[in-house]
């Protein structure tokens, strides 16, 4: 079962739970977003039973997301040992908000 990171203009969600604002991600000088990495670790602990199971994550973001923010999100997924990262682009934020449950 893949974890979903949804990114709206304002907020990052992990499986519908708000984690960190996009502004905070963009303002950070760190390559890894620690609140996101921690949320991904918690999510993996609840859905995965063994260490040998590859962790999968799908990042759903609107097409206007700055590349620098996307790069930090992907780096955070990698830091949380997610070995398969898929990217999905959503053209309308309303669709993202519906996905995130916001």
PDB file of N, CA and C in Angstrom:
ATOM      1  N   UNK A   1       0.841  -1.185   0.000  1.00  0.00           N
ATOM      2  CA  UNK A   1       0.000   0.000   0.000  1.00  0.00           C
ATOM      3  C   UNK A   1       0.880   1.241   0.000  1.00  0.00           C
ATOM      4  N   UNK A   2       0.670   2.109  -0.970  1.00  0.00           N
ATOM      5  CA  UNK A   2       1.496   3.311  -1.101  1.00  0.00           C
ATOM      6  C   UNK A   2       0.994   4.427  -0.198  1.00  0.00           C
ATOM      7  N   UNK A   3       1.921   5.166   0.347  1.00  0.00           N
ATOM      8  CA  UNK A   3       1.627   6.367   1.104  1.00  0.00           C
ATOM      9  C   UNK A   3       1.457   7.504   0.102  1.00  0.00           C
ATOM     10  N   UNK A   4       0.576   8.456   0.403  1.00  0.00           N
ATOM     11  CA  UNK A   4       0.347   9.580  -0.500  1.00  0.00           C
ATOM     12  C   UNK A   4       0.709  10.884   0.204  1.00  0.00           C
ATOM     13  N   UNK A   5       1.606  11.636  -0.422  1.00  0.00           N
ATOM     14  CA  UNK A   5       1.938  12.990   0.023  1.00  0.00           C
ATOM     15  C   UNK A   5       1.218  13.930  -0.937  1.00  0.00           C
ATOM     16  N   UNK A   6       0.291  14.696  -0.415  1.00  0.00           N
ATOM     17  CA  UNK A   6      -0.465  15.644  -1.226  1.00  0.00           C
ATOM     18  C   UNK A   6       0.041  17.046  -0.915  1.00  0.00           C
ATOM     19  N   UNK A   7       0.301  17.813  -1.976  1.00  0.00           N
ATOM     20  CA  UNK A   7       0.835  19.155  -1.802  1.00  0.00           C
ATOM     21  C   UNK A   7      -0.117  20.152  -2.451  1.00  0.00           C
ATOM     22  N   UNK A   8      -0.697  21.018  -1.635  1.00  0.00           N
ATOM     23  CA  UNK A   8      -1.530  22.106  -2.149  1.00  0.00           C
ATOM     24  C   UNK A   8      -0.654  23.362  -2.214  1.00  0.00           C
ATOM     25  N   UNK A   9      -1.231  24.479  -2.546  1.00  0.00           N
ATOM     26  CA  UNK A   9      -0.462  25.724  -2.567  1.00  0.00           C
ATOM     27  C   UNK A   9       0.082  26.067  -1.181  1.00  0.00           C
ATOM     28  N   UNK A  10      -0.639  25.656  -0.135  1.00  0.00           N
ATOM     29  CA  UNK A  10      -0.291  26.084   1.219  1.00  0.00           C
ATOM     30  C   UNK A  10       0.268  25.013   2.140  1.00  0.00           C
ATOM     31  N   UNK A  11      -0.069  23.737   1.909  1.00  0.00           N
ATOM     32  CA  UNK A  11       0.199  22.727   2.925  1.00  0.00           C
ATOM     33  C   UNK A  11       0.601  21.383   2.309  1.00  0.00           C
ATOM     34  N   UNK A  12       1.417  20.622   3.055  1.00  0.00           N
ATOM     35  CA  UNK A  12       1.745  19.242   2.709  1.00  0.00           C
ATOM     36  C   UNK A  12       0.938  18.332   3.624  1.00  0.00           C
ATOM     37  N   UNK A  13       0.383  17.275   3.043  1.00  0.00           N
ATOM     38  CA  UNK A  13      -0.395  16.284   3.791  1.00  0.00           C
ATOM     39  C   UNK A  13       0.212  14.903   3.555  1.00  0.00           C
ATOM     40  N   UNK A  14       0.184  14.062   4.570  1.00  0.00           N
ATOM     41  CA  UNK A  14       0.545  12.656   4.413  1.00  0.00           C
ATOM     42  C   UNK A  14      -0.707  11.857   4.701  1.00  0.00           C
ATOM     43  N   UNK A  15      -1.209  11.194   3.676  1.00  0.00           N
ATOM     44  CA  UNK A  15      -2.457  10.428   3.771  1.00  0.00           C
ATOM     45  C   UNK A  15      -3.573  11.244   4.427  1.00  0.00           C
ATOM     46  N   UNK A  16      -3.671  12.508   4.046  1.00  0.00           N
ATOM     47  CA  UNK A  16      -4.761  13.362   4.511  1.00  0.00           C
ATOM     48  C   UNK A  16      -4.491  14.138   5.775  1.00  0.00           C
ATOM     49  N   UNK A  17      -3.384  13.859   6.455  1.00  0.00           N
ATOM     50  CA  UNK A  17      -3.058  14.577   7.695  1.00  0.00           C
ATOM     51  C   UNK A  17      -2.082  15.709   7.398  1.00  0.00           C
ATOM     52  N   UNK A  18      -2.423  16.933   7.801  1.00  0.00           N
ATOM     53  CA  UNK A  18      -1.557  18.087   7.583  1.00  0.00           C
ATOM     54  C   UNK A  18      -0.240  17.896   8.324  1.00  0.00           C
ATOM     55  N   UNK A  19       0.872  18.212   7.641  1.00  0.00           N
ATOM     56  CA  UNK A  19       2.192  17.985   8.215  1.00  0.00           C
ATOM     57  C   UNK A  19       2.999  19.273   8.349  1.00  0.00           C
ATOM     58  N   UNK A  20       3.132  20.030   7.273  1.00  0.00           N
ATOM     59  CA  UNK A  20       3.972  21.224   7.281  1.00  0.00           C
ATOM     60  C   UNK A  20       3.513  22.140   6.150  1.00  0.00           C
ATOM     61  N   UNK A  21       3.708  23.440   6.330  1.00  0.00           N
ATOM     62  CA  UNK A  21       3.291  24.374   5.286  1.00  0.00           C
ATOM     63  C   UNK A  21       4.329  24.413   4.162  1.00  0.00           C
ATOM     64  N   UNK A  22       3.849  24.696   2.964  1.00  0.00           N
ATOM     65  CA  UNK A  22       4.735  24.824   1.809  1.00  0.00           C
ATOM     66  C   UNK A  22       5.698  25.996   2.034  1.00  0.00           C
ATOM     67  N   UNK A  23       5.224  27.059   2.678  1.00  0.00           N
ATOM     68  CA  UNK A  23       6.078  28.209   2.967  1.00  0.00           C
ATOM     69  C   UNK A  23       7.260  27.799   3.846  1.00  0.00           C
ATOM     70  N   UNK A  24       7.020  26.956   4.849  1.00  0.00           N
ATOM     71  CA  UNK A  24       8.094  26.487   5.721  1.00  0.00           C
ATOM     72  C   UNK A  24       9.090  25.630   4.952  1.00  0.00           C
ATOM     73  N   UNK A  25       8.585  24.799   4.039  1.00  0.00           N
ATOM     74  CA  UNK A  25       9.459  23.956   3.222  1.00  0.00           C
ATOM     75  C   UNK A  25      10.336  24.839   2.337  1.00  0.00           C
ATOM     76  N   UNK A  26       9.730  25.812   1.686  1.00  0.00           N
ATOM     77  CA  UNK A  26      10.471  26.694   0.803  1.00  0.00           C
ATOM     78  C   UNK A  26      11.487  27.551   1.527  1.00  0.00           C
ATOM     79  N   UNK A  27      11.174  27.950   2.755  1.00  0.00           N
ATOM     80  CA  UNK A  27      12.060  28.827   3.526  1.00  0.00           C
ATOM     81  C   UNK A  27      13.226  28.081   4.164  1.00  0.00           C
ATOM     82  N   UNK A  28      13.104  26.780   4.307  1.00  0.00           N
ATOM     83  CA  UNK A  28      14.141  25.994   4.969  1.00  0.00           C
ATOM     84  C   UNK A  28      15.384  25.870   4.091  1.00  0.00           C
ATOM     85  N   UNK A  29      16.548  25.961   4.714  1.00  0.00           N
ATOM     86  CA  UNK A  29      17.801  25.764   3.980  1.00  0.00           C
ATOM     87  C   UNK A  29      18.220  24.295   3.986  1.00  0.00           C
ATOM     88  N   UNK A  30      17.528  23.480   4.745  1.00  0.00           N
ATOM     89  CA  UNK A  30      17.847  22.058   4.844  1.00  0.00           C
ATOM     90  C   UNK A  30      17.319  21.300   3.626  1.00  0.00           C
ATOM     91  N   UNK A  31      18.054  20.305   3.140  1.00  0.00           N
ATOM     92  CA  UNK A  31      17.581  19.526   1.986  1.00  0.00           C
ATOM     93  C   UNK A  31      16.441  18.573   2.341  1.00  0.00           C
ATOM     94  N   UNK A  32      16.341  18.187   3.618  1.00  0.00           N
ATOM     95  CA  UNK A  32      15.299  17.263   4.076  1.00  0.00           C
ATOM     96  C   UNK A  32      14.343  18.020   4.988  1.00  0.00           C
ATOM     97  N   UNK A  33      13.057  17.836   4.750  1.00  0.00           N
ATOM     98  CA  UNK A  33      12.012  18.460   5.568  1.00  0.00           C
ATOM     99  C   UNK A  33      11.738  17.511   6.732  1.00  0.00           C
ATOM    100  N   UNK A  34      12.264  17.843   7.901  1.00  0.00           N
ATOM    101  CA  UNK A  34      12.191  16.926   9.042  1.00  0.00           C
ATOM    102  C   UNK A  34      10.761  16.554   9.449  1.00  0.00           C
ATOM    103  N   UNK A  35       9.802  17.495   9.515  1.00  0.00           N
ATOM    104  CA  UNK A  35       8.437  17.088   9.870  1.00  0.00           C
ATOM    105  C   UNK A  35       7.842  16.090   8.866  1.00  0.00           C
ATOM    106  N   UNK A  36       8.173  16.259   7.594  1.00  0.00           N
ATOM    107  CA  UNK A  36       7.681  15.327   6.572  1.00  0.00           C
ATOM    108  C   UNK A  36       8.350  13.971   6.721  1.00  0.00           C
ATOM    109  N   UNK A  37       9.664  13.960   6.929  1.00  0.00           N
ATOM    110  CA  UNK A  37      10.373  12.688   7.107  1.00  0.00           C
ATOM    111  C   UNK A  37       9.814  11.920   8.302  1.00  0.00           C
ATOM    112  N   UNK A  38       9.579  12.625   9.400  1.00  0.00           N
ATOM    113  CA  UNK A  38       9.044  11.982  10.605  1.00  0.00           C
ATOM    114  C   UNK A  38       7.639  11.441  10.364  1.00  0.00           C
ATOM    115  N   UNK A  39       6.802  12.200   9.646  1.00  0.00           N
ATOM    116  CA  UNK A  39       5.436  11.744   9.345  1.00  0.00           C
ATOM    117  C   UNK A  39       5.470  10.513   8.446  1.00  0.00           C
ATOM    118  N   UNK A  40       6.391  10.486   7.494  1.00  0.00           N
ATOM    119  CA  UNK A  40       6.514   9.321   6.608  1.00  0.00           C
ATOM    120  C   UNK A  40       6.982   8.098   7.387  1.00  0.00           C
ATOM    121  N   UNK A  41       7.916   8.299   8.312  1.00  0.00           N
ATOM    122  CA  UNK A  41       8.358   7.183   9.166  1.00  0.00           C
ATOM    123  C   UNK A  41       7.200   6.627   9.989  1.00  0.00           C
ATOM    124  N   UNK A  42       6.404   7.516  10.576  1.00  0.00           N
ATOM    125  CA  UNK A  42       5.251   7.071  11.374  1.00  0.00           C
ATOM    126  C   UNK A  42       4.270   6.303  10.496  1.00  0.00           C
ATOM    127  N   UNK A  43       4.033   6.803   9.297  1.00  0.00           N
ATOM    128  CA  UNK A  43       3.093   6.157   8.380  1.00  0.00           C
ATOM    129  C   UNK A  43       3.595   4.767   8.001  1.00  0.00           C
ATOM    130  N   UNK A  44       4.867   4.646   7.718  1.00  0.00           N
ATOM    131  CA  UNK A  44       5.440   3.353   7.340  1.00  0.00           C
ATOM    132  C   UNK A  44       5.327   2.358   8.483  1.00  0.00           C
ATOM    133  N   UNK A  45       5.500   2.831   9.703  1.00  0.00           N
ATOM    134  CA  UNK A  45       5.416   1.944  10.862  1.00  0.00           C
ATOM    135  C   UNK A  45       4.004   1.380  11.036  1.00  0.00           C
ATOM    136  N   UNK A  46       2.996   2.137  10.617  1.00  0.00           N
ATOM    137  CA  UNK A  46       1.625   1.666  10.810  1.00  0.00           C
ATOM    138  C   UNK A  46       1.138   0.757   9.690  1.00  0.00           C
ATOM    139  N   UNK A  47       1.716   0.883   8.478  1.00  0.00           N
ATOM    140  CA  UNK A  47       1.185   0.080   7.371  1.00  0.00           C
ATOM    141  C   UNK A  47       2.111  -1.022   6.891  1.00  0.00           C
ATOM    142  N   UNK A  48       3.376  -0.968   7.253  1.00  0.00           N
ATOM    143  CA  UNK A  48       4.321  -1.972   6.774  1.00  0.00           C
ATOM    144  C   UNK A  48       4.734  -2.887   7.914  1.00  0.00           C
ATOM    145  N   UNK A  49       4.811  -4.172   7.593  1.00  0.00           N
ATOM    146  CA  UNK A  49       5.092  -5.138   8.653  1.00  0.00           C
ATOM    147  C   UNK A  49       6.561  -5.509   8.763  1.00  0.00           C
ATOM    148  N   UNK A  50       7.326  -5.427   7.681  1.00  0.00           N
ATOM    149  CA  UNK A  50       8.715  -5.849   7.749  1.00  0.00           C
ATOM    150  C   UNK A  50       9.649  -4.876   7.081  1.00  0.00           C
ATOM    151  N   UNK A  51      10.932  -4.968   7.454  1.00  0.00           N
ATOM    152  CA  UNK A  51      11.921  -4.081   6.876  1.00  0.00           C
ATOM    153  C   UNK A  51      12.216  -4.403   5.427  1.00  0.00           C
ATOM    154  N   UNK A  52      11.933  -5.636   5.002  1.00  0.00           N
ATOM    155  CA  UNK A  52      12.250  -6.031   3.628  1.00  0.00           C
ATOM    156  C   UNK A  52      11.174  -5.589   2.631  1.00  0.00           C
ATOM    157  N   UNK A  53      10.070  -5.044   3.130  1.00  0.00           N
ATOM    158  CA  UNK A  53       9.002  -4.564   2.253  1.00  0.00           C
ATOM    159  C   UNK A  53       9.396  -3.180   1.739  1.00  0.00           C
ATOM    160  N   UNK A  54       9.465  -3.005   0.397  1.00  0.00           N
ATOM    161  CA  UNK A  54       9.828  -1.679  -0.109  1.00  0.00           C
ATOM    162  C   UNK A  54       8.743  -0.647   0.207  1.00  0.00           C
ATOM    163  N   UNK A  55       9.172   0.506   0.625  1.00  0.00           N
ATOM    164  CA  UNK A  55       8.239   1.590   0.925  1.00  0.00           C
ATOM    165  C   UNK A  55       7.937   2.356  -0.360  1.00  0.00           C
ATOM    166  N   UNK A  56       6.651   2.568  -0.623  1.00  0.00           N
ATOM    167  CA  UNK A  56       6.227   3.294  -1.816  1.00  0.00           C
ATOM    168  C   UNK A  56       5.478   4.552  -1.409  1.00  0.00           C
ATOM    169  N   UNK A  57       5.747   5.638  -2.121  1.00  0.00           N
ATOM    170  CA  UNK A  57       5.072   6.895  -1.861  1.00  0.00           C
ATOM    171  C   UNK A  57       4.718   7.554  -3.188  1.00  0.00           C
ATOM    172  N   UNK A  58       3.548   8.162  -3.227  1.00  0.00           N
ATOM    173  CA  UNK A  58       3.129   8.955  -4.377  1.00  0.00           C
ATOM    174  C   UNK A  58       3.013  10.398  -3.925  1.00  0.00           C
ATOM    175  N   UNK A  59       3.696  11.288  -4.638  1.00  0.00           N
ATOM    176  CA  UNK A  59       3.634  12.718  -4.350  1.00  0.00           C
ATOM    177  C   UNK A  59       2.676  13.332  -5.362  1.00  0.00           C
ATOM    178  N   UNK A  60       1.554  13.844  -4.859  1.00  0.00           N
ATOM    179  CA  UNK A  60       0.563  14.504  -5.711  1.00  0.00           C
ATOM    180  C   UNK A  60       0.643  15.998  -5.455  1.00  0.00           C
ATOM    181  N   UNK A  61       0.967  16.748  -6.509  1.00  0.00           N
ATOM    182  CA  UNK A  61       1.145  18.190  -6.337  1.00  0.00           C
ATOM    183  C   UNK A  61       0.572  18.926  -7.534  1.00  0.00           C
ATOM    184  N   UNK A  62       0.218  20.180  -7.318  1.00  0.00           N
ATOM    185  CA  UNK A  62      -0.251  20.975  -8.443  1.00  0.00           C
ATOM    186  C   UNK A  62       0.952  21.385  -9.289  1.00  0.00           C
ATOM    187  N   UNK A  63       0.695  21.655 -10.544  1.00  0.00           N
ATOM    188  CA  UNK A  63       1.795  21.883 -11.493  1.00  0.00           C
ATOM    189  C   UNK A  63       2.593  23.154 -11.216  1.00  0.00           C
ATOM    190  N   UNK A  64       2.071  24.069 -10.410  1.00  0.00           N
ATOM    191  CA  UNK A  64       2.790  25.311 -10.119  1.00  0.00           C
ATOM    192  C   UNK A  64       3.782  25.168  -8.961  1.00  0.00           C
ATOM    193  N   UNK A  65       3.907  23.985  -8.376  1.00  0.00           N
ATOM    194  CA  UNK A  65       4.821  23.781  -7.250  1.00  0.00           C
ATOM    195  C   UNK A  65       6.257  24.059  -7.689  1.00  0.00           C
ATOM    196  N   UNK A  66       6.980  24.917  -6.968  1.00  0.00           N
ATOM    197  CA  UNK A  66       8.373  25.199  -7.336  1.00  0.00           C
ATOM    198  C   UNK A  66       9.241  23.934  -7.255  1.00  0.00           C
ATOM    199  N   UNK A  67      10.173  23.825  -8.193  1.00  0.00           N
ATOM    200  CA  UNK A  67      11.033  22.654  -8.237  1.00  0.00           C
ATOM    201  C   UNK A  67      11.833  22.483  -6.944  1.00  0.00           C
ATOM    202  N   UNK A  68      12.292  23.580  -6.350  1.00  0.00           N
ATOM    203  CA  UNK A  68      13.083  23.498  -5.118  1.00  0.00           C
ATOM    204  C   UNK A  68      12.291  22.827  -3.994  1.00  0.00           C
ATOM    205  N   UNK A  69      10.992  23.097  -3.931  1.00  0.00           N
ATOM    206  CA  UNK A  69      10.138  22.471  -2.911  1.00  0.00           C
ATOM    207  C   UNK A  69       9.961  20.993  -3.232  1.00  0.00           C
ATOM    208  N   UNK A  70       9.720  20.671  -4.494  1.00  0.00           N
ATOM    209  CA  UNK A  70       9.574  19.274  -4.904  1.00  0.00           C
ATOM    210  C   UNK A  70      10.833  18.482  -4.589  1.00  0.00           C
ATOM    211  N   UNK A  71      11.989  19.068  -4.846  1.00  0.00           N
ATOM    212  CA  UNK A  71      13.257  18.394  -4.584  1.00  0.00           C
ATOM    213  C   UNK A  71      13.386  18.060  -3.099  1.00  0.00           C
ATOM    214  N   UNK A  72      12.981  18.987  -2.216  1.00  0.00           N
ATOM    215  CA  UNK A  72      13.055  18.732  -0.772  1.00  0.00           C
ATOM    216  C   UNK A  72      12.077  17.636  -0.352  1.00  0.00           C
ATOM    217  N   UNK A  73      10.916  17.599  -0.989  1.00  0.00           N
ATOM    218  CA  UNK A  73       9.930  16.560  -0.674  1.00  0.00           C
ATOM    219  C   UNK A  73      10.483  15.188  -1.052  1.00  0.00           C
ATOM    220  N   UNK A  74      11.043  15.087  -2.249  1.00  0.00           N
ATOM    221  CA  UNK A  74      11.611  13.812  -2.701  1.00  0.00           C
ATOM    222  C   UNK A  74      12.786  13.402  -1.817  1.00  0.00           C
ATOM    223  N   UNK A  75      13.636  14.356  -1.433  1.00  0.00           N
ATOM    224  CA  UNK A  75      14.758  14.052  -0.541  1.00  0.00           C
ATOM    225  C   UNK A  75      14.261  13.556   0.812  1.00  0.00           C
ATOM    226  N   UNK A  76      13.164  14.114   1.291  1.00  0.00           N
ATOM    227  CA  UNK A  76      12.587  13.686   2.573  1.00  0.00           C
ATOM    228  C   UNK A  76      12.036  12.269   2.472  1.00  0.00           C
ATOM    229  N   UNK A  77      11.426  11.950   1.346  1.00  0.00           N
ATOM    230  CA  UNK A  77      10.926  10.591   1.123  1.00  0.00           C
ATOM    231  C   UNK A  77      12.092   9.601   1.138  1.00  0.00           C
ATOM    232  N   UNK A  78      13.167   9.961   0.471  1.00  0.00           N
ATOM    233  CA  UNK A  78      14.352   9.110   0.437  1.00  0.00           C
ATOM    234  C   UNK A  78      14.955   8.953   1.833  1.00  0.00           C
ATOM    235  N   UNK A  79      14.996  10.035   2.604  1.00  0.00           N
ATOM    236  CA  UNK A  79      15.538   9.985   3.965  1.00  0.00           C
ATOM    237  C   UNK A  79      14.708   9.091   4.876  1.00  0.00           C
ATOM    238  N   UNK A  80      13.417   8.938   4.540  1.00  0.00           N
ATOM    239  CA  UNK A  80      12.537   8.060   5.327  1.00  0.00           C
ATOM    240  C   UNK A  80      12.526   6.638   4.762  1.00  0.00           C
ATOM    241  N   UNK A  81      13.487   6.334   3.909  1.00  0.00           N
ATOM    242  CA  UNK A  81      13.676   4.994   3.324  1.00  0.00           C
ATOM    243  C   UNK A  81      12.538   4.556   2.413  1.00  0.00           C
ATOM    244  N   UNK A  82      11.904   5.506   1.736  1.00  0.00           N
ATOM    245  CA  UNK A  82      10.938   5.152   0.699  1.00  0.00           C
ATOM    246  C   UNK A  82      11.733   4.954  -0.581  1.00  0.00           C
ATOM    247  N   UNK A  83      11.741   3.729  -1.101  1.00  0.00           N
ATOM    248  CA  UNK A  83      12.586   3.410  -2.252  1.00  0.00           C
ATOM    249  C   UNK A  83      11.884   3.623  -3.588  1.00  0.00           C
ATOM    250  N   UNK A  84      10.562   3.736  -3.570  1.00  0.00           N
ATOM    251  CA  UNK A  84       9.827   3.955  -4.808  1.00  0.00           C
ATOM    252  C   UNK A  84       8.991   5.219  -4.652  1.00  0.00           C
ATOM    253  N   UNK A  85       9.381   6.261  -5.387  1.00  0.00           N
ATOM    254  CA  UNK A  85       8.687   7.546  -5.325  1.00  0.00           C
ATOM    255  C   UNK A  85       8.047   7.800  -6.680  1.00  0.00           C
ATOM    256  N   UNK A  86       6.739   7.987  -6.686  1.00  0.00           N
ATOM    257  CA  UNK A  86       6.012   8.312  -7.907  1.00  0.00           C
ATOM    258  C   UNK A  86       5.508   9.740  -7.802  1.00  0.00           C
ATOM    259  N   UNK A  87       5.503  10.435  -8.928  1.00  0.00           N
ATOM    260  CA  UNK A  87       5.033  11.813  -8.960  1.00  0.00           C
ATOM    261  C   UNK A  87       3.762  11.897  -9.784  1.00  0.00           C
ATOM    262  N   UNK A  88       2.800  12.655  -9.286  1.00  0.00           N
ATOM    263  CA  UNK A  88       1.549  12.887 -10.009  1.00  0.00           C
ATOM    264  C   UNK A  88       1.261  14.382  -9.979  1.00  0.00           C
ATOM    265  N   UNK A  89       0.880  14.912 -11.127  1.00  0.00           N
ATOM    266  CA  UNK A  89       0.570  16.337 -11.226  1.00  0.00           C
ATOM    267  C   UNK A  89      -0.934  16.501 -11.331  1.00  0.00           C
ATOM    268  N   UNK A  90      -1.461  17.377 -10.501  1.00  0.00           N
ATOM    269  CA  UNK A  90      -2.881  17.705 -10.541  1.00  0.00           C
ATOM    270  C   UNK A  90      -2.979  19.163 -10.954  1.00  0.00           C
ATOM    271  N   UNK A  91      -3.796  19.431 -11.962  1.00  0.00           N
ATOM    272  CA  UNK A  91      -3.863  20.793 -12.485  1.00  0.00           C
ATOM    273  C   UNK A  91      -4.722  21.723 -11.650  1.00  0.00           C
ATOM    274  N   UNK A  92      -5.635  21.199 -10.859  1.00  0.00           N
ATOM    275  CA  UNK A  92      -6.540  22.061 -10.100  1.00  0.00           C
ATOM    276  C   UNK A  92      -6.432  21.763  -8.620  1.00  0.00           C
ATOM    277  N   UNK A  93      -6.263  22.813  -7.826  1.00  0.00           N
ATOM    278  CA  UNK A  93      -6.093  22.635  -6.389  1.00  0.00           C
ATOM    279  C   UNK A  93      -7.335  22.041  -5.734  1.00  0.00           C
ATOM    280  N   UNK A  94      -8.513  22.287  -6.274  1.00  0.00           N
ATOM    281  CA  UNK A  94      -9.722  21.715  -5.681  1.00  0.00           C
ATOM    282  C   UNK A  94      -9.632  20.187  -5.654  1.00  0.00           C
ATOM    283  N   UNK A  95      -9.057  19.602  -6.680  1.00  0.00           N
ATOM    284  CA  UNK A  95      -8.901  18.155  -6.719  1.00  0.00           C
ATOM    285  C   UNK A  95      -7.939  17.704  -5.628  1.00  0.00           C
ATOM    286  N   UNK A  96      -6.868  18.468  -5.392  1.00  0.00           N
ATOM    287  CA  UNK A  96      -5.929  18.125  -4.333  1.00  0.00           C
ATOM    288  C   UNK A  96      -6.571  18.205  -2.973  1.00  0.00           C
ATOM    289  N   UNK A  97      -7.328  19.267  -2.745  1.00  0.00           N
ATOM    290  CA  UNK A  97      -7.991  19.417  -1.455  1.00  0.00           C
ATOM    291  C   UNK A  97      -8.974  18.282  -1.203  1.00  0.00           C
ATOM    292  N   UNK A  98      -9.652  17.839  -2.228  1.00  0.00           N
ATOM    293  CA  UNK A  98     -10.567  16.701  -2.090  1.00  0.00           C
ATOM    294  C   UNK A  98      -9.782  15.440  -1.746  1.00  0.00           C
ATOM    295  N   UNK A  99      -8.618  15.241  -2.385  1.00  0.00           N
ATOM    296  CA  UNK A  99      -7.769  14.080  -2.113  1.00  0.00           C
ATOM    297  C   UNK A  99      -7.271  14.092  -0.679  1.00  0.00           C
ATOM    298  N   UNK A 100      -6.859  15.274  -0.205  1.00  0.00           N
ATOM    299  CA  UNK A 100      -6.270  15.396   1.119  1.00  0.00           C
ATOM    300  C   UNK A 100      -7.339  15.360   2.213  1.00  0.00           C
ATOM    301  N   UNK A 101      -8.567  15.515   1.833  1.00  0.00           N
ATOM    302  CA  UNK A 101      -9.624  15.513   2.825  1.00  0.00           C
ATOM    303  C   UNK A 101      -9.733  16.836   3.560  1.00  0.00           C
ATOM    304  N   UNK A 102      -9.159  17.882   2.984  1.00  0.00           N
ATOM    305  CA  UNK A 102      -9.163  19.197   3.639  1.00  0.00           C
ATOM    306  C   UNK A 102     -10.475  19.924   3.390  1.00  0.00           C
TER     307      UNK A 102
END
